[in-house]
PDB file of N, CA and C in Angstrom:
ATOM      1  N   UNK A   1     -55.202  27.593 -13.852  1.00  0.00           N
ATOM      2  CA  UNK A   1     -56.547  27.997 -13.337  1.00  0.00           C
ATOM      3  C   UNK A   1     -56.377  29.257 -12.333  1.00  0.00           C
ATOM      4  N   UNK A   2     -57.448  29.996 -12.321  1.00  0.00           N
ATOM      5  CA  UNK A   2     -57.515  31.218 -11.637  1.00  0.00           C
ATOM      6  C   UNK A   2     -57.441  30.801 -10.147  1.00  0.00           C
ATOM      7  N   UNK A   3     -56.462  31.565  -9.306  1.00  0.00           N
ATOM      8  CA  UNK A   3     -56.274  31.244  -7.882  1.00  0.00           C
ATOM      9  C   UNK A   3     -57.670  31.198  -7.210  1.00  0.00           C
ATOM     10  N   UNK A   4     -58.374  32.192  -7.382  1.00  0.00           N
ATOM     11  CA  UNK A   4     -59.690  32.375  -6.702  1.00  0.00           C
ATOM     12  C   UNK A   4     -60.573  31.356  -7.020  1.00  0.00           C
ATOM     13  N   UNK A   5     -60.681  30.802  -8.181  1.00  0.00           N
ATOM     14  CA  UNK A   5     -61.627  29.512  -8.452  1.00  0.00           C
ATOM     15  C   UNK A   5     -60.839  28.409  -7.730  1.00  0.00           C
ATOM     16  N   UNK A   6     -59.712  28.121  -7.776  1.00  0.00           N
ATOM     17  CA  UNK A   6     -59.016  27.085  -7.027  1.00  0.00           C
ATOM     18  C   UNK A   6     -59.263  26.942  -5.612  1.00  0.00           C
ATOM     19  N   UNK A   7     -59.186  28.162  -5.018  1.00  0.00           N
ATOM     20  CA  UNK A   7     -59.423  28.220  -3.509  1.00  0.00           C
ATOM     21  C   UNK A   7     -61.015  27.926  -3.354  1.00  0.00           C
ATOM     22  N   UNK A   8     -61.808  28.337  -4.183  1.00  0.00           N
ATOM     23  CA  UNK A   8     -63.165  28.183  -4.012  1.00  0.00           C
ATOM     24  C   UNK A   8     -63.568  26.596  -4.076  1.00  0.00           C
ATOM     25  N   UNK A   9     -62.991  26.007  -5.073  1.00  0.00           N
ATOM     26  CA  UNK A   9     -63.109  24.576  -5.216  1.00  0.00           C
ATOM     27  C   UNK A   9     -62.525  23.852  -4.064  1.00  0.00           C
ATOM     28  N   UNK A  10     -61.308  24.398  -3.457  1.00  0.00           N
ATOM     29  CA  UNK A  10     -60.851  23.641  -2.337  1.00  0.00           C
ATOM     30  C   UNK A  10     -61.745  23.834  -1.073  1.00  0.00           C
ATOM     31  N   UNK A  11     -62.317  24.965  -0.900  1.00  0.00           N
ATOM     32  CA  UNK A  11     -63.297  25.288   0.161  1.00  0.00           C
ATOM     33  C   UNK A  11     -64.504  24.488  -0.007  1.00  0.00           C
ATOM     34  N   UNK A  12     -65.022  24.339  -1.091  1.00  0.00           N
ATOM     35  CA  UNK A  12     -66.152  23.412  -1.472  1.00  0.00           C
ATOM     36  C   UNK A  12     -65.891  21.974  -0.984  1.00  0.00           C
ATOM     37  N   UNK A  13     -64.694  21.530  -1.485  1.00  0.00           N
ATOM     38  CA  UNK A  13     -64.333  20.068  -1.026  1.00  0.00           C
ATOM     39  C   UNK A  13     -64.057  19.920   0.339  1.00  0.00           C
ATOM     40  N   UNK A  14     -63.566  20.930   1.068  1.00  0.00           N
ATOM     41  CA  UNK A  14     -63.193  20.874   2.554  1.00  0.00           C
ATOM     42  C   UNK A  14     -64.608  20.703   3.192  1.00  0.00           C
ATOM     43  N   UNK A  15     -65.679  21.305   2.729  1.00  0.00           N
ATOM     44  CA  UNK A  15     -66.813  21.495   3.365  1.00  0.00           C
ATOM     45  C   UNK A  15     -67.741  20.343   3.121  1.00  0.00           C
ATOM     46  N   UNK A  16     -67.661  19.626   2.333  1.00  0.00           N
ATOM     47  CA  UNK A  16     -68.507  18.450   1.868  1.00  0.00           C
ATOM     48  C   UNK A  16     -68.473  17.374   3.142  1.00  0.00           C
ATOM     49  N   UNK A  17     -67.339  16.963   3.746  1.00  0.00           N
ATOM     50  CA  UNK A  17     -67.404  16.115   4.738  1.00  0.00           C
ATOM     51  C   UNK A  17     -68.011  16.713   6.069  1.00  0.00           C
ATOM     52  N   UNK A  18     -67.694  17.976   6.151  1.00  0.00           N
ATOM     53  CA  UNK A  18     -68.300  18.641   7.388  1.00  0.00           C
ATOM     54  C   UNK A  18     -69.799  18.677   7.366  1.00  0.00           C
ATOM     55  N   UNK A  19     -70.368  19.022   6.018  1.00  0.00           N
ATOM     56  CA  UNK A  19     -71.685  18.961   5.836  1.00  0.00           C
ATOM     57  C   UNK A  19     -72.325  17.587   6.082  1.00  0.00           C
ATOM     58  N   UNK A  20     -71.675  16.567   5.637  1.00  0.00           N
ATOM     59  CA  UNK A  20     -72.080  15.256   5.906  1.00  0.00           C
ATOM     60  C   UNK A  20     -72.187  15.045   7.543  1.00  0.00           C
ATOM     61  N   UNK A  21     -71.212  15.473   8.133  1.00  0.00           N
ATOM     62  CA  UNK A  21     -71.210  15.365   9.604  1.00  0.00           C
ATOM     63  C   UNK A  21     -72.347  16.032  10.235  1.00  0.00           C
ATOM     64  N   UNK A  22     -72.552  17.147   9.796  1.00  0.00           N
ATOM     65  CA  UNK A  22     -73.694  18.084  10.267  1.00  0.00           C
ATOM     66  C   UNK A  22     -74.953  17.352  10.039  1.00  0.00           C
ATOM     67  N   UNK A  23     -75.147  16.815   8.979  1.00  0.00           N
ATOM     68  CA  UNK A  23     -76.509  16.094   8.630  1.00  0.00           C
ATOM     69  C   UNK A  23     -76.869  14.784   9.534  1.00  0.00           C
ATOM     70  N   UNK A  24     -75.703  14.415  10.271  1.00  0.00           N
ATOM     71  CA  UNK A  24     -75.970  13.150  11.095  1.00  0.00           C
ATOM     72  C   UNK A  24     -76.059  13.414  12.581  1.00  0.00           C
ATOM     73  N   UNK A  25     -76.064  14.748  12.945  1.00  0.00           N
ATOM     74  CA  UNK A  25     -76.005  15.043  14.323  1.00  0.00           C
ATOM     75  C   UNK A  25     -77.290  16.004  14.494  1.00  0.00           C
ATOM     76  N   UNK A  26     -77.845  15.946  15.773  1.00  0.00           N
ATOM     77  CA  UNK A  26     -79.033  16.872  16.117  1.00  0.00           C
ATOM     78  C   UNK A  26     -78.710  18.401  15.717  1.00  0.00           C
ATOM     79  N   UNK A  27     -79.685  18.873  15.274  1.00  0.00           N
ATOM     80  CA  UNK A  27     -79.486  20.444  14.990  1.00  0.00           C
ATOM     81  C   UNK A  27     -79.372  21.234  16.265  1.00  0.00           C
ATOM     82  N   UNK A  28     -78.327  22.177  16.061  1.00  0.00           N
ATOM     83  CA  UNK A  28     -77.998  23.089  17.161  1.00  0.00           C
ATOM     84  C   UNK A  28     -77.408  22.385  18.356  1.00  0.00           C
ATOM     85  N   UNK A  29     -76.807  21.192  18.169  1.00  0.00           N
ATOM     86  CA  UNK A  29     -76.093  20.685  19.206  1.00  0.00           C
ATOM     87  C   UNK A  29     -74.616  20.995  19.110  1.00  0.00           C
ATOM     88  N   UNK A  30     -73.730  20.669  20.103  1.00  0.00           N
ATOM     89  CA  UNK A  30     -72.431  20.996  19.885  1.00  0.00           C
ATOM     90  C   UNK A  30     -71.728  20.510  18.782  1.00  0.00           C
ATOM     91  N   UNK A  31     -72.010  19.289  18.441  1.00  0.00           N
ATOM     92  CA  UNK A  31     -71.286  18.649  17.250  1.00  0.00           C
ATOM     93  C   UNK A  31     -71.762  19.464  15.932  1.00  0.00           C
ATOM     94  N   UNK A  32     -73.094  19.898  15.759  1.00  0.00           N
ATOM     95  CA  UNK A  32     -73.524  20.370  14.762  1.00  0.00           C
ATOM     96  C   UNK A  32     -72.743  21.778  14.586  1.00  0.00           C
ATOM     97  N   UNK A  33     -72.687  22.622  15.739  1.00  0.00           N
ATOM     98  CA  UNK A  33     -71.987  23.698  15.823  1.00  0.00           C
ATOM     99  C   UNK A  33     -70.542  23.658  15.306  1.00  0.00           C
ATOM    100  N   UNK A  34     -69.850  22.568  15.793  1.00  0.00           N
ATOM    101  CA  UNK A  34     -68.495  22.343  15.420  1.00  0.00           C
ATOM    102  C   UNK A  34     -68.462  22.068  13.797  1.00  0.00           C
ATOM    103  N   UNK A  35     -69.381  21.168  13.368  1.00  0.00           N
ATOM    104  CA  UNK A  35     -69.296  20.829  11.883  1.00  0.00           C
ATOM    105  C   UNK A  35     -69.388  22.095  11.127  1.00  0.00           C
ATOM    106  N   UNK A  36     -70.136  23.056  11.559  1.00  0.00           N
ATOM    107  CA  UNK A  36     -70.188  24.295  10.704  1.00  0.00           C
ATOM    108  C   UNK A  36     -68.857  25.242  10.996  1.00  0.00           C
ATOM    109  N   UNK A  37     -68.481  25.350  12.115  1.00  0.00           N
ATOM    110  CA  UNK A  37     -67.512  26.215  12.392  1.00  0.00           C
ATOM    111  C   UNK A  37     -65.916  25.653  12.312  1.00  0.00           C
ATOM    112  N   UNK A  38     -65.677  24.371  12.361  1.00  0.00           N
ATOM    113  CA  UNK A  38     -64.336  23.843  12.366  1.00  0.00           C
ATOM    114  C   UNK A  38     -63.554  24.223  10.972  1.00  0.00           C
ATOM    115  N   UNK A  39     -64.383  24.238   9.841  1.00  0.00           N
ATOM    116  CA  UNK A  39     -63.707  24.540   8.580  1.00  0.00           C
ATOM    117  C   UNK A  39     -63.289  26.012   8.450  1.00  0.00           C
ATOM    118  N   UNK A  40     -63.805  26.925   9.190  1.00  0.00           N
ATOM    119  CA  UNK A  40     -63.504  28.230   8.985  1.00  0.00           C
ATOM    120  C   UNK A  40     -61.902  28.562   9.159  1.00  0.00           C
ATOM    121  N   UNK A  41     -61.312  28.095  10.059  1.00  0.00           N
ATOM    122  CA  UNK A  41     -59.880  28.324  10.209  1.00  0.00           C
ATOM    123  C   UNK A  41     -59.194  27.759   9.009  1.00  0.00           C
ATOM    124  N   UNK A  42     -59.589  26.565   8.503  1.00  0.00           N
ATOM    125  CA  UNK A  42     -58.894  26.082   7.348  1.00  0.00           C
ATOM    126  C   UNK A  42     -59.183  26.899   6.081  1.00  0.00           C
ATOM    127  N   UNK A  43     -60.388  27.474   5.985  1.00  0.00           N
ATOM    128  CA  UNK A  43     -60.557  28.315   4.828  1.00  0.00           C
ATOM    129  C   UNK A  43     -59.798  29.681   4.965  1.00  0.00           C
ATOM    130  N   UNK A  44     -59.542  30.085   6.269  1.00  0.00           N
ATOM    131  CA  UNK A  44     -58.851  31.309   6.318  1.00  0.00           C
ATOM    132  C   UNK A  44     -57.406  31.102   6.090  1.00  0.00           C
ATOM    133  N   UNK A  45     -56.798  29.853   6.468  1.00  0.00           N
ATOM    134  CA  UNK A  45     -55.450  29.534   6.257  1.00  0.00           C
ATOM    135  C   UNK A  45     -55.151  29.338   4.711  1.00  0.00           C
ATOM    136  N   UNK A  46     -56.222  28.874   4.049  1.00  0.00           N
ATOM    137  CA  UNK A  46     -56.196  28.641   2.558  1.00  0.00           C
ATOM    138  C   UNK A  46     -56.004  30.011   1.918  1.00  0.00           C
ATOM    139  N   UNK A  47     -56.863  31.103   2.416  1.00  0.00           N
ATOM    140  CA  UNK A  47     -56.832  32.269   1.781  1.00  0.00           C
ATOM    141  C   UNK A  47     -55.417  33.035   2.112  1.00  0.00           C
ATOM    142  N   UNK A  48     -54.827  32.855   3.178  1.00  0.00           N
ATOM    143  CA  UNK A  48     -53.721  33.455   3.599  1.00  0.00           C
ATOM    144  C   UNK A  48     -52.542  32.869   2.765  1.00  0.00           C
ATOM    145  N   UNK A  49     -52.441  31.602   2.856  1.00  0.00           N
ATOM    146  CA  UNK A  49     -51.388  30.775   2.261  1.00  0.00           C
ATOM    147  C   UNK A  49     -51.205  30.856   0.739  1.00  0.00           C
ATOM    148  N   UNK A  50     -52.433  31.103   0.200  1.00  0.00           N
ATOM    149  CA  UNK A  50     -52.448  31.173  -1.420  1.00  0.00           C
ATOM    150  C   UNK A  50     -52.218  32.633  -1.769  1.00  0.00           C
ATOM    151  N   UNK A  51     -52.154  33.608  -0.779  1.00  0.00           N
ATOM    152  CA  UNK A  51     -51.903  34.893  -1.233  1.00  0.00           C
ATOM    153  C   UNK A  51     -53.068  35.680  -1.615  1.00  0.00           C
ATOM    154  N   UNK A  52     -54.215  35.107  -1.581  1.00  0.00           N
ATOM    155  CA  UNK A  52     -55.483  35.582  -1.953  1.00  0.00           C
ATOM    156  C   UNK A  52     -55.880  36.724  -1.005  1.00  0.00           C
ATOM    157  N   UNK A  53     -55.469  36.593   0.205  1.00  0.00           N
ATOM    158  CA  UNK A  53     -55.877  37.589   1.304  1.00  0.00           C
ATOM    159  C   UNK A  53     -57.292  37.754   1.439  1.00  0.00           C
ATOM    160  N   UNK A  54     -57.817  38.914   1.786  1.00  0.00           N
ATOM    161  CA  UNK A  54     -59.136  39.263   2.051  1.00  0.00           C
ATOM    162  C   UNK A  54     -59.777  40.308   1.211  1.00  0.00           C
ATOM    163  N   UNK A  55     -59.517  40.210  -0.102  1.00  0.00           N
ATOM    164  CA  UNK A  55     -60.146  40.952  -1.116  1.00  0.00           C
ATOM    165  C   UNK A  55     -61.653  40.882  -0.985  1.00  0.00           C
ATOM    166  N   UNK A  56     -62.221  42.100  -0.826  1.00  0.00           N
ATOM    167  CA  UNK A  56     -63.780  42.031  -0.791  1.00  0.00           C
ATOM    168  C   UNK A  56     -64.486  41.384  -1.928  1.00  0.00           C
ATOM    169  N   UNK A  57     -64.003  41.446  -3.023  1.00  0.00           N
ATOM    170  CA  UNK A  57     -64.562  40.983  -4.243  1.00  0.00           C
ATOM    171  C   UNK A  57     -64.500  39.355  -4.154  1.00  0.00           C
ATOM    172  N   UNK A  58     -63.646  38.800  -3.296  1.00  0.00           N
ATOM    173  CA  UNK A  58     -63.625  37.257  -3.322  1.00  0.00           C
ATOM    174  C   UNK A  58     -64.659  36.629  -2.320  1.00  0.00           C
ATOM    175  N   UNK A  59     -65.018  37.441  -1.511  1.00  0.00           N
ATOM    176  CA  UNK A  59     -65.954  36.894  -0.378  1.00  0.00           C
ATOM    177  C   UNK A  59     -67.150  36.195  -0.895  1.00  0.00           C
ATOM    178  N   UNK A  60     -68.046  36.668  -1.887  1.00  0.00           N
ATOM    179  CA  UNK A  60     -69.030  35.972  -2.314  1.00  0.00           C
ATOM    180  C   UNK A  60     -68.780  34.619  -2.851  1.00  0.00           C
ATOM    181  N   UNK A  61     -67.791  34.447  -3.543  1.00  0.00           N
ATOM    182  CA  UNK A  61     -67.363  33.108  -4.089  1.00  0.00           C
ATOM    183  C   UNK A  61     -67.065  32.261  -3.159  1.00  0.00           C
ATOM    184  N   UNK A  62     -66.146  32.617  -2.155  1.00  0.00           N
ATOM    185  CA  UNK A  62     -65.702  31.877  -1.205  1.00  0.00           C
ATOM    186  C   UNK A  62     -66.767  31.412  -0.099  1.00  0.00           C
ATOM    187  N   UNK A  63     -67.571  32.303   0.253  1.00  0.00           N
ATOM    188  CA  UNK A  63     -68.600  32.025   1.180  1.00  0.00           C
ATOM    189  C   UNK A  63     -69.720  31.174   0.619  1.00  0.00           C
ATOM    190  N   UNK A  64     -70.064  31.433  -0.926  1.00  0.00           N
ATOM    191  CA  UNK A  64     -70.842  30.580  -1.600  1.00  0.00           C
ATOM    192  C   UNK A  64     -70.364  29.056  -1.683  1.00  0.00           C
ATOM    193  N   UNK A  65     -69.123  28.936  -1.945  1.00  0.00           N
ATOM    194  CA  UNK A  65     -68.468  27.656  -1.952  1.00  0.00           C
ATOM    195  C   UNK A  65     -68.634  26.967  -0.541  1.00  0.00           C
ATOM    196  N   UNK A  66     -68.438  27.798   0.447  1.00  0.00           N
ATOM    197  CA  UNK A  66     -68.545  27.172   1.884  1.00  0.00           C
ATOM    198  C   UNK A  66     -69.901  26.571   2.170  1.00  0.00           C
ATOM    199  N   UNK A  67     -70.935  27.435   1.904  1.00  0.00           N
ATOM    200  CA  UNK A  67     -72.237  26.907   2.142  1.00  0.00           C
ATOM    201  C   UNK A  67     -72.642  25.882   1.150  1.00  0.00           C
ATOM    202  N   UNK A  68     -72.210  26.016  -0.044  1.00  0.00           N
ATOM    203  CA  UNK A  68     -72.684  24.987  -1.063  1.00  0.00           C
ATOM    204  C   UNK A  68     -71.990  23.668  -0.583  1.00  0.00           C
ATOM    205  N   UNK A  69     -70.722  23.466  -0.073  1.00  0.00           N
ATOM    206  CA  UNK A  69     -70.148  22.368   0.330  1.00  0.00           C
ATOM    207  C   UNK A  69     -70.781  21.753   1.447  1.00  0.00           C
ATOM    208  N   UNK A  70     -71.224  22.590   2.358  1.00  0.00           N
ATOM    209  CA  UNK A  70     -72.102  22.224   3.513  1.00  0.00           C
ATOM    210  C   UNK A  70     -73.364  21.565   3.084  1.00  0.00           C
ATOM    211  N   UNK A  71     -74.055  22.192   2.117  1.00  0.00           N
ATOM    212  CA  UNK A  71     -75.372  21.768   1.615  1.00  0.00           C
ATOM    213  C   UNK A  71     -75.220  20.428   0.924  1.00  0.00           C
ATOM    214  N   UNK A  72     -74.179  20.420   0.071  1.00  0.00           N
ATOM    215  CA  UNK A  72     -73.985  19.193  -0.871  1.00  0.00           C
ATOM    216  C   UNK A  72     -73.636  17.952   0.013  1.00  0.00           C
ATOM    217  N   UNK A  73     -72.848  18.279   1.004  1.00  0.00           N
ATOM    218  CA  UNK A  73     -72.426  17.116   2.032  1.00  0.00           C
ATOM    219  C   UNK A  73     -73.567  16.638   2.750  1.00  0.00           C
ATOM    220  N   UNK A  74     -74.577  17.513   3.330  1.00  0.00           N
ATOM    221  CA  UNK A  74     -75.677  17.018   3.991  1.00  0.00           C
ATOM    222  C   UNK A  74     -76.717  16.359   3.074  1.00  0.00           C
ATOM    223  N   UNK A  75     -76.888  16.884   1.826  1.00  0.00           N
ATOM    224  CA  UNK A  75     -77.766  16.220   0.912  1.00  0.00           C
ATOM    225  C   UNK A  75     -77.135  14.854   0.497  1.00  0.00           C
ATOM    226  N   UNK A  76     -76.042  14.651   0.303  1.00  0.00           N
ATOM    227  CA  UNK A  76     -75.506  13.257  -0.132  1.00  0.00           C
ATOM    228  C   UNK A  76     -75.790  12.308   1.096  1.00  0.00           C
ATOM    229  N   UNK A  77     -75.486  12.750   2.141  1.00  0.00           N
ATOM    230  CA  UNK A  77     -75.608  12.004   3.397  1.00  0.00           C
ATOM    231  C   UNK A  77     -76.924  11.581   3.563  1.00  0.00           C
ATOM    232  N   UNK A  78     -77.977  12.538   3.568  1.00  0.00           N
ATOM    233  CA  UNK A  78     -79.370  12.241   3.626  1.00  0.00           C
ATOM    234  C   UNK A  78     -79.956  11.272   2.540  1.00  0.00           C
ATOM    235  N   UNK A  79     -79.293  11.637   1.374  1.00  0.00           N
ATOM    236  CA  UNK A  79     -79.694  10.512   0.225  1.00  0.00           C
ATOM    237  C   UNK A  79     -79.279   9.269   0.322  1.00  0.00           C
ATOM    238  N   UNK A  80     -78.009   9.165   0.851  1.00  0.00           N
ATOM    239  CA  UNK A  80     -77.489   7.732   1.173  1.00  0.00           C
ATOM    240  C   UNK A  80     -78.273   7.123   2.285  1.00  0.00           C
ATOM    241  N   UNK A  81     -78.499   7.828   3.339  1.00  0.00           N
ATOM    242  CA  UNK A  81     -79.292   7.261   4.572  1.00  0.00           C
ATOM    243  C   UNK A  81     -80.701   6.844   4.073  1.00  0.00           C
ATOM    244  N   UNK A  82     -81.281   7.610   3.219  1.00  0.00           N
ATOM    245  CA  UNK A  82     -82.560   7.261   2.773  1.00  0.00           C
ATOM    246  C   UNK A  82     -82.561   6.028   1.809  1.00  0.00           C
ATOM    247  N   UNK A  83     -81.606   5.909   0.896  1.00  0.00           N
ATOM    248  CA  UNK A  83     -81.361   4.838   0.173  1.00  0.00           C
ATOM    249  C   UNK A  83     -81.279   3.494   0.875  1.00  0.00           C
ATOM    250  N   UNK A  84     -80.479   3.526   1.857  1.00  0.00           N
ATOM    251  CA  UNK A  84     -80.136   2.402   2.747  1.00  0.00           C
ATOM    252  C   UNK A  84     -81.479   1.984   3.492  1.00  0.00           C
ATOM    253  N   UNK A  85     -82.257   2.992   3.887  1.00  0.00           N
ATOM    254  CA  UNK A  85     -83.434   2.741   4.552  1.00  0.00           C
ATOM    255  C   UNK A  85     -84.371   1.943   3.766  1.00  0.00           C
ATOM    256  N   UNK A  86     -84.499   2.388   2.449  1.00  0.00           N
ATOM    257  CA  UNK A  86     -85.595   1.852   1.546  1.00  0.00           C
ATOM    258  C   UNK A  86     -84.907   0.478   1.097  1.00  0.00           C
ATOM    259  N   UNK A  87     -83.581   0.490   0.845  1.00  0.00           N
ATOM    260  CA  UNK A  87     -83.070  -0.871   0.446  1.00  0.00           C
ATOM    261  C   UNK A  87     -83.274  -1.918   1.597  1.00  0.00           C
ATOM    262  N   UNK A  88     -83.168  -1.611   2.802  1.00  0.00           N
ATOM    263  CA  UNK A  88     -83.450  -2.358   3.847  1.00  0.00           C
ATOM    264  C   UNK A  88     -84.869  -3.127   3.931  1.00  0.00           C
ATOM    265  N   UNK A  89     -85.805  -2.055   3.587  1.00  0.00           N
ATOM    266  CA  UNK A  89     -87.230  -2.504   3.634  1.00  0.00           C
ATOM    267  C   UNK A  89     -87.577  -3.459   2.301  1.00  0.00           C
ATOM    268  N   UNK A  90     -86.755  -3.152   1.260  1.00  0.00           N
ATOM    269  CA  UNK A  90     -87.111  -3.891  -0.021  1.00  0.00           C
ATOM    270  C   UNK A  90     -86.681  -5.289   0.077  1.00  0.00           C
ATOM    271  N   UNK A  91     -85.597  -5.488   0.888  1.00  0.00           N
ATOM    272  CA  UNK A  91     -85.153  -7.020   0.921  1.00  0.00           C
ATOM    273  C   UNK A  91     -85.930  -7.860   1.954  1.00  0.00           C
ATOM    274  N   UNK A  92     -86.677  -7.172   2.775  1.00  0.00           N
ATOM    275  CA  UNK A  92     -87.696  -8.186   3.639  1.00  0.00           C
ATOM    276  C   UNK A  92     -88.673  -8.701   2.888  1.00  0.00           C
ATOM    277  N   UNK A  93     -89.082 -10.004   3.277  1.00  0.00           N
ATOM    278  CA  UNK A  93     -90.168 -10.729   2.463  1.00  0.00           C
ATOM    279  C   UNK A  93     -91.476 -10.153   2.887  1.00  0.00           C
TER     280      UNK A  93
END
């Protein structure tokens, strides 16, 4: 597999739980800020350790994977919370 695609997939997977965390805290709170920014050093470490470096052409794919992982994590969490809410209402007589 292409190293750039592998790193992009890993960046996406790293950000899904952080996006989930972000969706469960108030917007612009300290936890919200941390949920967005804590994965950044991990992404930088992945780039350096993989030998990918900081090639300008790789930024759009890596940044896109970062934000997509945050988005998908948040959407999955909101979807899960919504289903639990409606499932709880459906069980009541």
